[in-house]
Amino acid sequence: MTTFSPVCGDVLVLTEAELAELAAIPDPDTELESELPCELEAGHPGPHLAQAQASRDLEWWMLWQHARRDLMILEPCPAETTDGDTVCNLPIDHPGRHSFDLTDIGGRTPAPHHQQKILELARRRTGPTG
């Protein structure tokens, strides 16, 4: 039986400048949100983390802790479930459990073509199965 962990859920309200920067990203995969919940496992160390936008092969993540706020492009986590049907929706080297082991990922699901790119990247990094 799989035991799921809760997500942090701390919420960041984006500034007008951050929203404008995200709105300028070409070919966005998702609709822009003004409030981003932290997608990491509850009780995680370090800054909070939420995907702000994705486009083509890139993912923009907001990291925040206290008054510090950073928008960064981070590589996707290559982890996938043992059946290979679900990929982790967090960036590589994230603290805590993978998104598929959490009870909620803030309602965010990557666009299908972006999720396929993540899965292909994960398979390239881990090599052929079998």
N, C-alpha and C. Protein backbone atom coordinates (compact mmCIF):
# COMPACT_ATOMS: atom_id res chain seq x y z
N MET A 1 0.84 -1.19 0.00
CA MET A 1 0.00 0.00 0.00
C MET A 1 0.88 1.25 0.00
N THR A 2 0.60 2.17 -0.89
CA THR A 2 1.37 3.40 -1.00
C THR A 2 0.90 4.40 0.04
N THR A 3 1.86 5.02 0.72
CA THR A 3 1.55 6.07 1.68
C THR A 3 1.93 7.39 1.04
N PHE A 4 0.98 8.30 0.98
CA PHE A 4 1.22 9.60 0.38
C PHE A 4 1.52 10.63 1.47
N SER A 5 2.34 11.61 1.14
CA SER A 5 2.69 12.69 2.05
C SER A 5 1.97 13.97 1.61
N PRO A 6 1.67 14.85 2.56
CA PRO A 6 1.03 16.13 2.19
C PRO A 6 2.03 17.10 1.57
N VAL A 7 1.52 18.01 0.77
CA VAL A 7 2.36 19.07 0.20
C VAL A 7 2.43 20.23 1.19
N CYS A 8 3.43 21.07 1.00
CA CYS A 8 3.62 22.25 1.84
C CYS A 8 2.42 23.19 1.70
N GLY A 9 2.19 23.65 0.47
CA GLY A 9 1.03 24.51 0.20
C GLY A 9 1.18 25.97 0.57
N ASP A 10 2.33 26.41 1.11
CA ASP A 10 2.54 27.82 1.37
C ASP A 10 2.31 28.57 0.06
N VAL A 11 1.62 29.69 0.09
CA VAL A 11 1.23 30.38 -1.14
C VAL A 11 2.02 31.67 -1.35
N LEU A 12 2.50 31.84 -2.58
CA LEU A 12 3.17 33.06 -3.00
C LEU A 12 2.23 33.83 -3.92
N VAL A 13 2.01 35.10 -3.61
CA VAL A 13 1.24 35.98 -4.49
C VAL A 13 2.24 36.74 -5.35
N LEU A 14 2.15 36.54 -6.66
CA LEU A 14 3.10 37.18 -7.58
C LEU A 14 2.87 38.69 -7.67
N THR A 15 3.96 39.41 -7.85
CA THR A 15 3.88 40.86 -8.03
C THR A 15 3.49 41.16 -9.48
N GLU A 16 3.13 42.38 -9.75
CA GLU A 16 2.81 42.79 -11.13
C GLU A 16 4.03 42.60 -12.03
N ALA A 17 5.22 42.91 -11.52
CA ALA A 17 6.45 42.75 -12.31
C ALA A 17 6.69 41.28 -12.63
N GLU A 18 6.48 40.39 -11.66
CA GLU A 18 6.66 38.96 -11.90
C GLU A 18 5.64 38.44 -12.91
N LEU A 19 4.40 38.90 -12.78
CA LEU A 19 3.36 38.49 -13.73
C LEU A 19 3.69 38.97 -15.14
N ALA A 20 4.20 40.19 -15.26
CA ALA A 20 4.57 40.72 -16.58
C ALA A 20 5.71 39.92 -17.18
N GLU A 21 6.70 39.54 -16.36
CA GLU A 21 7.83 38.75 -16.84
C GLU A 21 7.35 37.38 -17.32
N LEU A 22 6.46 36.77 -16.58
CA LEU A 22 5.92 35.46 -16.96
C LEU A 22 5.02 35.56 -18.20
N ALA A 23 4.27 36.64 -18.30
CA ALA A 23 3.38 36.83 -19.46
C ALA A 23 4.17 37.01 -20.75
N ALA A 24 5.42 37.42 -20.65
CA ALA A 24 6.25 37.64 -21.84
C ALA A 24 6.87 36.34 -22.37
N ILE A 25 6.72 35.24 -21.66
CA ILE A 25 7.28 33.97 -22.11
C ILE A 25 6.49 33.49 -23.33
N PRO A 26 7.18 33.20 -24.44
CA PRO A 26 6.47 32.78 -25.65
C PRO A 26 5.95 31.34 -25.53
N ASP A 27 4.86 31.05 -26.20
CA ASP A 27 4.28 29.71 -26.27
C ASP A 27 4.07 29.06 -24.91
N PRO A 28 3.36 29.71 -24.00
CA PRO A 28 3.18 29.13 -22.67
C PRO A 28 2.36 27.83 -22.72
N ASP A 29 2.72 26.89 -21.83
CA ASP A 29 2.00 25.62 -21.74
C ASP A 29 0.79 25.70 -20.82
N THR A 30 0.81 26.63 -19.89
CA THR A 30 -0.27 26.73 -18.91
C THR A 30 -0.76 28.17 -18.80
N GLU A 31 -1.94 28.32 -18.25
CA GLU A 31 -2.49 29.64 -18.01
C GLU A 31 -1.78 30.26 -16.81
N LEU A 32 -1.48 31.53 -16.90
CA LEU A 32 -0.77 32.24 -15.85
C LEU A 32 -1.64 32.37 -14.61
N GLU A 33 -1.06 32.04 -13.45
CA GLU A 33 -1.74 32.14 -12.16
C GLU A 33 -1.08 33.22 -11.33
N SER A 34 -1.86 33.99 -10.57
CA SER A 34 -1.29 35.05 -9.75
C SER A 34 -0.88 34.56 -8.36
N GLU A 35 -1.38 33.39 -7.95
CA GLU A 35 -1.02 32.79 -6.67
C GLU A 35 -0.48 31.39 -6.93
N LEU A 36 0.68 31.10 -6.35
CA LEU A 36 1.32 29.81 -6.57
C LEU A 36 1.52 29.09 -5.24
N PRO A 37 0.96 27.89 -5.07
CA PRO A 37 1.21 27.13 -3.85
C PRO A 37 2.52 26.35 -3.96
N CYS A 38 3.25 26.26 -2.87
CA CYS A 38 4.48 25.47 -2.84
C CYS A 38 4.12 24.02 -3.12
N GLU A 39 4.88 23.39 -4.03
CA GLU A 39 4.58 22.04 -4.48
C GLU A 39 5.45 20.97 -3.81
N LEU A 40 6.31 21.38 -2.89
CA LEU A 40 7.18 20.44 -2.22
C LEU A 40 6.47 19.74 -1.06
N GLU A 41 7.07 18.67 -0.58
CA GLU A 41 6.54 17.93 0.57
C GLU A 41 6.50 18.83 1.80
N ALA A 42 5.43 18.73 2.58
CA ALA A 42 5.30 19.51 3.80
C ALA A 42 6.51 19.29 4.70
N GLY A 43 6.99 20.36 5.32
CA GLY A 43 8.13 20.28 6.21
C GLY A 43 9.47 20.28 5.50
N HIS A 44 9.49 20.61 4.21
CA HIS A 44 10.73 20.60 3.43
C HIS A 44 11.73 21.61 3.95
N PRO A 45 13.04 21.34 3.73
CA PRO A 45 14.05 22.34 4.07
C PRO A 45 14.17 23.37 2.96
N GLY A 46 14.75 24.51 3.27
CA GLY A 46 15.05 25.51 2.26
C GLY A 46 13.84 26.25 1.74
N PRO A 47 14.02 26.91 0.58
CA PRO A 47 12.95 27.75 0.04
C PRO A 47 11.76 26.96 -0.48
N HIS A 48 10.63 27.67 -0.55
CA HIS A 48 9.43 27.11 -1.17
C HIS A 48 9.64 27.12 -2.68
N LEU A 49 8.84 26.31 -3.39
CA LEU A 49 9.05 26.13 -4.82
C LEU A 49 7.72 25.88 -5.53
N ALA A 50 7.49 26.60 -6.61
CA ALA A 50 6.27 26.40 -7.40
C ALA A 50 6.57 26.70 -8.86
N GLN A 51 6.03 25.86 -9.74
CA GLN A 51 6.21 26.13 -11.16
C GLN A 51 5.32 27.31 -11.54
N ALA A 52 5.93 28.30 -12.18
CA ALA A 52 5.21 29.50 -12.58
C ALA A 52 4.76 29.43 -14.03
N GLN A 53 5.56 28.75 -14.88
CA GLN A 53 5.23 28.62 -16.29
C GLN A 53 6.13 27.56 -16.93
N ALA A 54 5.68 27.04 -18.05
CA ALA A 54 6.47 26.12 -18.87
C ALA A 54 6.22 26.48 -20.32
N SER A 55 7.26 26.30 -21.12
CA SER A 55 7.15 26.61 -22.54
C SER A 55 8.22 25.82 -23.28
N ARG A 56 7.79 25.14 -24.32
CA ARG A 56 8.71 24.32 -25.09
C ARG A 56 9.39 23.34 -24.15
N ASP A 57 10.71 23.35 -24.06
CA ASP A 57 11.43 22.42 -23.17
C ASP A 57 11.86 23.07 -21.86
N LEU A 58 11.35 24.24 -21.54
CA LEU A 58 11.81 24.97 -20.36
C LEU A 58 10.70 25.09 -19.32
N GLU A 59 11.13 25.08 -18.05
CA GLU A 59 10.20 25.27 -16.93
C GLU A 59 10.71 26.42 -16.06
N TRP A 60 9.85 27.40 -15.80
CA TRP A 60 10.18 28.54 -14.94
C TRP A 60 9.58 28.27 -13.57
N TRP A 61 10.42 28.35 -12.53
CA TRP A 61 10.00 28.07 -11.16
C TRP A 61 10.24 29.29 -10.28
N MET A 62 9.30 29.56 -9.40
CA MET A 62 9.47 30.59 -8.38
C MET A 62 9.99 29.90 -7.13
N LEU A 63 11.06 30.45 -6.57
CA LEU A 63 11.60 30.01 -5.29
C LEU A 63 11.47 31.19 -4.34
N TRP A 64 11.00 30.94 -3.13
CA TRP A 64 10.86 32.03 -2.18
C TRP A 64 11.09 31.56 -0.76
N GLN A 65 11.68 32.46 0.02
CA GLN A 65 11.91 32.22 1.44
C GLN A 65 12.10 33.59 2.08
N HIS A 66 11.30 33.87 3.06
CA HIS A 66 11.31 35.18 3.73
C HIS A 66 11.07 36.25 2.66
N ALA A 67 11.91 37.26 2.56
CA ALA A 67 11.70 38.33 1.58
C ALA A 67 12.33 38.02 0.22
N ARG A 68 13.09 36.96 0.12
CA ARG A 68 13.76 36.63 -1.14
C ARG A 68 12.82 35.89 -2.09
N ARG A 69 12.83 36.33 -3.36
CA ARG A 69 12.00 35.73 -4.40
C ARG A 69 12.83 35.62 -5.66
N ASP A 70 12.88 34.43 -6.24
CA ASP A 70 13.68 34.22 -7.45
C ASP A 70 12.87 33.45 -8.48
N LEU A 71 12.98 33.88 -9.73
CA LEU A 71 12.41 33.15 -10.86
C LEU A 71 13.57 32.48 -11.57
N MET A 72 13.51 31.15 -11.68
CA MET A 72 14.62 30.40 -12.26
C MET A 72 14.11 29.36 -13.25
N ILE A 73 14.92 29.07 -14.25
CA ILE A 73 14.65 27.95 -15.14
C ILE A 73 15.35 26.74 -14.53
N LEU A 74 14.59 25.67 -14.27
CA LEU A 74 15.14 24.46 -13.67
C LEU A 74 14.81 23.25 -14.53
N GLU A 75 15.71 22.28 -14.53
CA GLU A 75 15.51 21.03 -15.27
C GLU A 75 14.48 20.17 -14.57
N PRO A 76 13.72 19.37 -15.32
CA PRO A 76 12.72 18.50 -14.69
C PRO A 76 13.38 17.31 -13.99
N CYS A 77 12.71 16.82 -12.96
CA CYS A 77 13.15 15.63 -12.25
C CYS A 77 12.92 14.43 -13.17
N PRO A 78 13.89 13.53 -13.31
CA PRO A 78 13.73 12.39 -14.21
C PRO A 78 12.97 11.21 -13.61
N ALA A 79 12.54 11.32 -12.34
CA ALA A 79 11.88 10.19 -11.69
C ALA A 79 10.51 9.90 -12.31
N GLU A 80 10.19 8.63 -12.34
CA GLU A 80 8.87 8.19 -12.81
C GLU A 80 8.42 7.02 -11.95
N THR A 81 7.13 6.72 -11.97
CA THR A 81 6.62 5.59 -11.20
C THR A 81 7.16 4.30 -11.79
N THR A 82 7.11 3.22 -11.01
CA THR A 82 7.67 1.94 -11.47
C THR A 82 7.00 1.45 -12.74
N ASP A 83 5.74 1.79 -12.96
CA ASP A 83 5.07 1.36 -14.19
C ASP A 83 5.36 2.30 -15.36
N GLY A 84 6.06 3.41 -15.09
CA GLY A 84 6.45 4.35 -16.15
C GLY A 84 5.32 5.22 -16.67
N ASP A 85 4.17 5.21 -15.99
CA ASP A 85 3.02 5.98 -16.46
C ASP A 85 2.97 7.41 -15.94
N THR A 86 3.69 7.69 -14.87
CA THR A 86 3.63 9.01 -14.25
C THR A 86 5.03 9.52 -13.97
N VAL A 87 5.28 10.77 -14.34
CA VAL A 87 6.57 11.39 -14.07
C VAL A 87 6.44 12.36 -12.90
N CYS A 88 7.57 12.66 -12.28
CA CYS A 88 7.59 13.65 -11.21
C CYS A 88 7.45 15.03 -11.85
N ASN A 89 6.58 15.86 -11.29
CA ASN A 89 6.33 17.19 -11.83
C ASN A 89 7.19 18.27 -11.17
N LEU A 90 8.18 17.87 -10.39
CA LEU A 90 9.06 18.81 -9.71
C LEU A 90 10.39 18.92 -10.45
N PRO A 91 11.23 19.91 -10.11
CA PRO A 91 12.53 20.01 -10.77
C PRO A 91 13.53 19.00 -10.19
N ILE A 92 14.58 18.76 -10.95
CA ILE A 92 15.63 17.83 -10.53
C ILE A 92 16.23 18.29 -9.21
N ASP A 93 16.64 17.32 -8.40
CA ASP A 93 17.27 17.56 -7.10
C ASP A 93 16.37 18.25 -6.08
N HIS A 94 15.05 18.14 -6.25
CA HIS A 94 14.14 18.73 -5.27
C HIS A 94 14.26 17.98 -3.94
N PRO A 95 14.03 18.67 -2.81
CA PRO A 95 14.03 17.97 -1.53
C PRO A 95 12.72 17.19 -1.34
N GLY A 96 12.77 16.17 -0.56
CA GLY A 96 11.55 15.43 -0.22
C GLY A 96 11.12 14.45 -1.29
N ARG A 97 9.89 14.01 -1.15
CA ARG A 97 9.33 12.98 -2.02
C ARG A 97 8.96 13.55 -3.39
N HIS A 98 8.83 12.65 -4.37
CA HIS A 98 8.42 13.03 -5.72
C HIS A 98 6.94 13.41 -5.73
N SER A 99 6.54 14.19 -6.72
CA SER A 99 5.15 14.68 -6.79
C SER A 99 4.14 13.55 -6.82
N PHE A 100 4.49 12.41 -7.43
CA PHE A 100 3.53 11.30 -7.48
C PHE A 100 3.38 10.59 -6.13
N ASP A 101 4.21 10.95 -5.15
CA ASP A 101 4.09 10.41 -3.80
C ASP A 101 3.46 11.40 -2.84
N LEU A 102 2.95 12.51 -3.37
CA LEU A 102 2.31 13.53 -2.55
C LEU A 102 0.80 13.50 -2.74
N THR A 103 0.06 13.93 -1.73
CA THR A 103 -1.40 13.87 -1.79
C THR A 103 -1.99 14.89 -2.73
N ASP A 104 -1.25 15.98 -3.00
CA ASP A 104 -1.78 17.05 -3.84
C ASP A 104 -0.60 17.83 -4.40
N ILE A 105 -0.64 18.18 -5.68
CA ILE A 105 0.44 19.00 -6.25
C ILE A 105 -0.09 20.38 -6.64
N GLY A 106 -1.03 20.87 -5.87
CA GLY A 106 -1.53 22.21 -6.12
C GLY A 106 -2.44 22.30 -7.33
N GLY A 107 -2.93 21.16 -7.81
CA GLY A 107 -3.84 21.17 -8.94
C GLY A 107 -3.17 21.36 -10.28
N ARG A 108 -1.82 21.41 -10.31
CA ARG A 108 -1.11 21.66 -11.55
C ARG A 108 -0.80 20.34 -12.25
N THR A 109 -1.14 20.27 -13.49
CA THR A 109 -0.76 19.14 -14.34
C THR A 109 -0.12 19.72 -15.58
N PRO A 110 1.10 19.31 -15.90
CA PRO A 110 1.74 19.85 -17.10
C PRO A 110 0.92 19.54 -18.35
N ALA A 111 1.06 20.39 -19.35
CA ALA A 111 0.41 20.14 -20.63
C ALA A 111 0.87 18.78 -21.15
N PRO A 112 0.00 18.02 -21.86
CA PRO A 112 0.38 16.67 -22.32
C PRO A 112 1.69 16.62 -23.09
N HIS A 113 1.93 17.57 -24.01
CA HIS A 113 3.17 17.51 -24.77
C HIS A 113 4.37 17.80 -23.88
N HIS A 114 4.21 18.62 -22.84
CA HIS A 114 5.31 18.90 -21.94
C HIS A 114 5.58 17.68 -21.05
N GLN A 115 4.54 17.01 -20.57
CA GLN A 115 4.72 15.81 -19.77
C GLN A 115 5.42 14.73 -20.58
N GLN A 116 5.11 14.62 -21.87
CA GLN A 116 5.77 13.65 -22.73
C GLN A 116 7.26 13.98 -22.86
N LYS A 117 7.60 15.26 -22.98
CA LYS A 117 9.01 15.65 -23.06
C LYS A 117 9.74 15.30 -21.77
N ILE A 118 9.10 15.49 -20.62
CA ILE A 118 9.70 15.14 -19.34
C ILE A 118 9.96 13.64 -19.30
N LEU A 119 8.99 12.85 -19.72
CA LEU A 119 9.13 11.40 -19.71
C LEU A 119 10.26 10.96 -20.65
N GLU A 120 10.35 11.56 -21.83
CA GLU A 120 11.43 11.22 -22.76
C GLU A 120 12.79 11.57 -22.17
N LEU A 121 12.89 12.71 -21.51
CA LEU A 121 14.13 13.12 -20.86
C LEU A 121 14.51 12.13 -19.76
N ALA A 122 13.55 11.73 -18.97
CA ALA A 122 13.80 10.76 -17.90
C ALA A 122 14.32 9.44 -18.47
N ARG A 123 13.74 8.99 -19.54
CA ARG A 123 14.17 7.73 -20.14
C ARG A 123 15.57 7.83 -20.76
N ARG A 124 15.90 8.97 -21.34
CA ARG A 124 17.24 9.16 -21.89
C ARG A 124 18.28 9.13 -20.78
N ARG A 125 17.95 9.74 -19.62
CA ARG A 125 18.89 9.80 -18.51
C ARG A 125 19.09 8.45 -17.84
N THR A 126 18.05 7.64 -17.80
CA THR A 126 18.15 6.36 -17.09
C THR A 126 18.50 5.22 -18.02
N GLY A 127 18.45 5.42 -19.33
CA GLY A 127 18.79 4.39 -20.30
C GLY A 127 17.62 3.47 -20.56
N PRO A 128 17.81 2.52 -21.46
CA PRO A 128 16.70 1.60 -21.81
C PRO A 128 16.32 0.71 -20.63
N THR A 129 15.05 0.37 -20.56
CA THR A 129 14.58 -0.51 -19.50
C THR A 129 14.56 -1.94 -19.99
N GLY A 130 14.61 -2.89 -19.04
CA GLY A 130 14.46 -4.28 -19.39
C GLY A 130 15.68 -5.03 -19.41
